[in-house]
């Protein structure tokens, strides 16, 4: 079985790709068989509400096999949500060339409200939800990522038309003031 499944998405062949909060990524076949853990997943902070969280396929997955993951990561000053991407091999046993494309700032000492949902818009931009990490007042401060939805390009760069580009506020932010989206 699965231990604390959190995020899931379907591959083109109907196989389900599932995150387990303790830090494993698995395939579930159409007949319900659960694979061994997929290699190449980043180290995660599996504590409190943190762990390996959401999973999303690149809009061009059929050609590039790129998978996006959100997860909680221990860093200097605490923990925060990070987003990375890697290429799923043909047999689904490993991710290769995994790279972090976004890190929530600041990292804080709480172990809850990591947010984590990943959604691609029709234009190919990636939306990432980020919890306020238990720091409710910080969600009203657009200079940090706590309690925000950010919008980034698939490589982690910031789209030129984001609302805070060239203004006071973090360029990545699309909306702010959220608790734990």
Protein backbone atom coordinates (compact mmCIF):
# COMPACT_ATOMS: atom_id res chain seq x y z
CA UNK A 1 0.00 0.00 0.00
CA UNK A 2 0.83 3.67 0.17
CA UNK A 3 1.93 5.58 3.28
CA UNK A 4 0.23 8.98 3.57
CA UNK A 5 -0.39 9.65 -0.14
CA UNK A 6 -0.57 13.38 -0.77
CA UNK A 7 -0.40 14.40 -4.43
CA UNK A 8 -1.31 12.45 -7.55
CA UNK A 9 -1.49 12.86 -11.29
CA UNK A 10 -2.19 10.53 -14.19
CA UNK A 11 0.43 9.63 -16.78
CA UNK A 12 -0.77 9.45 -20.40
CA UNK A 13 -1.14 5.65 -20.17
CA UNK A 14 -3.50 5.85 -17.16
CA UNK A 15 -0.87 4.99 -14.55
CA UNK A 16 -1.13 7.13 -11.42
CA UNK A 17 1.99 8.94 -10.16
CA UNK A 18 1.62 9.43 -6.38
CA UNK A 19 3.65 11.25 -3.73
CA UNK A 20 3.91 9.85 -0.22
CA UNK A 21 4.58 12.49 2.43
CA UNK A 22 7.47 10.53 4.01
CA UNK A 23 9.43 11.20 0.79
CA UNK A 24 8.59 8.53 -1.75
CA UNK A 25 7.18 8.78 -5.27
CA UNK A 26 5.43 5.70 -6.68
CA UNK A 27 3.45 4.48 -9.65
CA UNK A 28 0.07 2.82 -9.24
CA UNK A 29 -0.91 0.78 -12.29
CA UNK A 30 -4.43 0.64 -13.69
CA UNK A 31 -4.88 -2.72 -11.92
CA UNK A 32 -3.83 -1.21 -8.55
CA UNK A 33 -0.28 -2.59 -8.32
CA UNK A 34 2.04 -0.23 -6.42
CA UNK A 35 5.63 0.15 -7.67
CA UNK A 36 8.80 0.28 -5.64
CA UNK A 37 9.80 3.87 -4.78
CA UNK A 38 11.09 5.85 -7.76
CA UNK A 39 14.79 6.77 -7.48
CA UNK A 40 16.06 10.34 -7.78
CA UNK A 41 13.52 12.06 -5.52
CA UNK A 42 15.01 14.93 -3.46
CA UNK A 43 15.55 14.67 0.29
CA UNK A 44 12.53 16.08 2.10
CA UNK A 45 11.75 17.24 5.62
CA UNK A 46 9.02 14.76 6.56
CA UNK A 47 7.96 16.38 9.81
CA UNK A 48 4.67 17.91 10.96
CA UNK A 49 2.73 18.72 7.77
CA UNK A 50 5.86 18.64 5.64
CA UNK A 51 7.24 16.02 3.29
CA UNK A 52 6.96 15.17 -0.39
CA UNK A 53 3.83 17.05 -1.32
CA UNK A 54 2.45 17.66 -4.81
CA UNK A 55 3.31 16.32 -8.26
CA UNK A 56 2.51 17.73 -11.69
CA UNK A 57 3.42 16.79 -15.24
CA UNK A 58 4.96 19.27 -17.62
CA UNK A 59 2.38 20.26 -20.27
CA UNK A 60 4.71 18.63 -22.84
CA UNK A 61 5.29 15.49 -20.74
CA UNK A 62 4.60 13.18 -23.69
CA UNK A 63 7.75 14.56 -25.35
CA UNK A 64 10.01 15.63 -22.45
CA UNK A 65 8.91 13.33 -19.54
CA UNK A 66 9.41 16.18 -17.06
CA UNK A 67 7.81 15.84 -13.62
CA UNK A 68 7.50 18.68 -11.09
CA UNK A 69 7.50 18.08 -7.33
CA UNK A 70 6.82 20.33 -4.35
CA UNK A 71 8.27 19.38 -0.99
CA UNK A 72 9.34 20.75 2.36
CA UNK A 73 13.05 21.30 2.67
CA UNK A 74 15.20 21.93 5.75
CA UNK A 75 17.38 24.99 5.31
CA UNK A 76 19.32 27.48 7.38
CA UNK A 77 16.77 29.26 9.58
CA UNK A 78 14.11 26.56 9.35
CA UNK A 79 12.09 24.86 6.66
CA UNK A 80 10.20 26.00 3.57
CA UNK A 81 8.50 24.73 0.44
CA UNK A 82 10.66 24.07 -2.60
CA UNK A 83 9.79 23.08 -6.16
CA UNK A 84 11.97 21.02 -8.45
CA UNK A 85 11.77 19.11 -11.67
CA UNK A 86 13.34 15.99 -13.15
CA UNK A 87 12.94 13.63 -16.07
CA UNK A 88 11.08 10.35 -15.47
CA UNK A 89 12.77 7.51 -17.32
CA UNK A 90 10.79 5.37 -19.77
CA UNK A 91 10.10 2.52 -17.34
CA UNK A 92 9.14 4.90 -14.51
CA UNK A 93 11.79 3.70 -12.09
CA UNK A 94 13.85 6.90 -11.69
CA UNK A 95 13.97 10.67 -12.00
CA UNK A 96 17.14 12.08 -13.52
CA UNK A 97 18.62 15.57 -13.74
CA UNK A 98 16.52 16.76 -10.80
CA UNK A 99 16.93 20.51 -10.21
CA UNK A 100 15.37 22.93 -7.76
CA UNK A 101 13.63 25.75 -9.64
CA UNK A 102 12.00 27.65 -6.74
CA UNK A 103 12.56 28.05 -2.99
CA UNK A 104 10.07 29.80 -0.70
CA UNK A 105 11.62 32.62 1.32
CA UNK A 106 11.99 32.94 4.19
CA UNK A 107 12.48 29.54 5.79
CA UNK A 108 10.83 29.45 9.23
CA UNK A 109 10.91 27.11 12.22
CA UNK A 110 7.28 25.93 12.09
CA UNK A 111 6.37 22.49 10.76
CA UNK A 112 2.93 23.32 9.31
CA UNK A 113 1.17 25.19 6.49
CA UNK A 114 3.59 24.40 3.68
CA UNK A 115 0.92 24.88 0.99
CA UNK A 116 2.33 23.03 -2.00
CA UNK A 117 -0.15 22.68 -4.86
CA UNK A 118 1.24 22.82 -8.40
CA UNK A 119 -0.98 23.81 -11.31
CA UNK A 120 -0.04 24.63 -14.89
CA UNK A 121 -2.09 27.35 -16.58
CA UNK A 122 -3.13 27.01 -20.25
CA UNK A 123 -0.28 29.39 -21.18
CA UNK A 124 2.29 27.02 -19.61
CA UNK A 125 3.03 29.11 -16.51
CA UNK A 126 3.31 27.23 -13.22
CA UNK A 127 1.29 28.32 -10.17
CA UNK A 128 2.60 27.23 -6.75
CA UNK A 129 0.58 27.66 -3.55
CA UNK A 130 2.56 28.53 -0.42
CA UNK A 131 1.25 28.47 3.13
CA UNK A 132 1.89 31.24 5.61
CA UNK A 133 3.78 28.72 7.80
CA UNK A 134 1.85 29.80 10.90
CA UNK A 135 3.00 33.41 10.55
CA UNK A 136 -0.39 34.97 9.72
CA UNK A 137 0.75 38.60 9.71
CA UNK A 138 3.54 37.76 7.24
CA UNK A 139 0.93 36.72 4.66
CA UNK A 140 0.10 40.42 4.28
CA UNK A 141 3.70 41.29 3.39
CA UNK A 142 4.28 41.00 -0.36
CA UNK A 143 8.06 41.17 0.11
CA UNK A 144 8.15 37.47 1.12
CA UNK A 145 6.49 34.26 -0.10
CA UNK A 146 4.59 33.36 3.09
CA UNK A 147 0.88 32.92 2.36
CA UNK A 148 1.13 33.48 -1.38
CA UNK A 149 0.44 32.00 -4.75
CA UNK A 150 3.45 32.42 -6.99
CA UNK A 151 3.53 32.24 -10.78
CA UNK A 152 6.74 31.15 -12.48
CA UNK A 153 7.91 29.89 -15.83
CA UNK A 154 8.63 26.14 -16.06
CA UNK A 155 12.36 26.85 -15.57
CA UNK A 156 11.71 28.86 -12.39
CA UNK A 157 12.23 32.29 -13.92
CA UNK A 158 9.65 35.03 -13.38
CA UNK A 159 7.20 36.02 -16.12
CA UNK A 160 7.56 39.68 -17.08
CA UNK A 161 3.83 40.29 -16.63
CA UNK A 162 3.56 39.19 -12.97
CA UNK A 163 1.87 41.92 -10.89
CA UNK A 164 4.90 42.80 -8.70
CA UNK A 165 7.59 42.88 -11.38
CA UNK A 166 9.21 46.31 -11.12
CA UNK A 167 7.16 47.21 -8.02
CA UNK A 168 7.39 46.74 -4.26
CA UNK A 169 6.97 43.03 -3.60
CA UNK A 170 8.55 39.74 -4.60
CA UNK A 171 8.47 39.36 -8.38
CA UNK A 172 7.20 35.75 -8.21
CA UNK A 173 4.01 36.65 -6.31
CA UNK A 174 0.70 36.41 -8.15
CA UNK A 175 -1.50 36.85 -5.04
CA UNK A 176 -0.89 37.17 -1.31
CA UNK A 177 -2.69 37.25 2.03
CA UNK A 178 -3.56 33.53 2.11
CA UNK A 179 -3.43 31.22 5.10
CA UNK A 180 -2.59 27.79 3.72
CA UNK A 181 -3.60 27.44 0.10
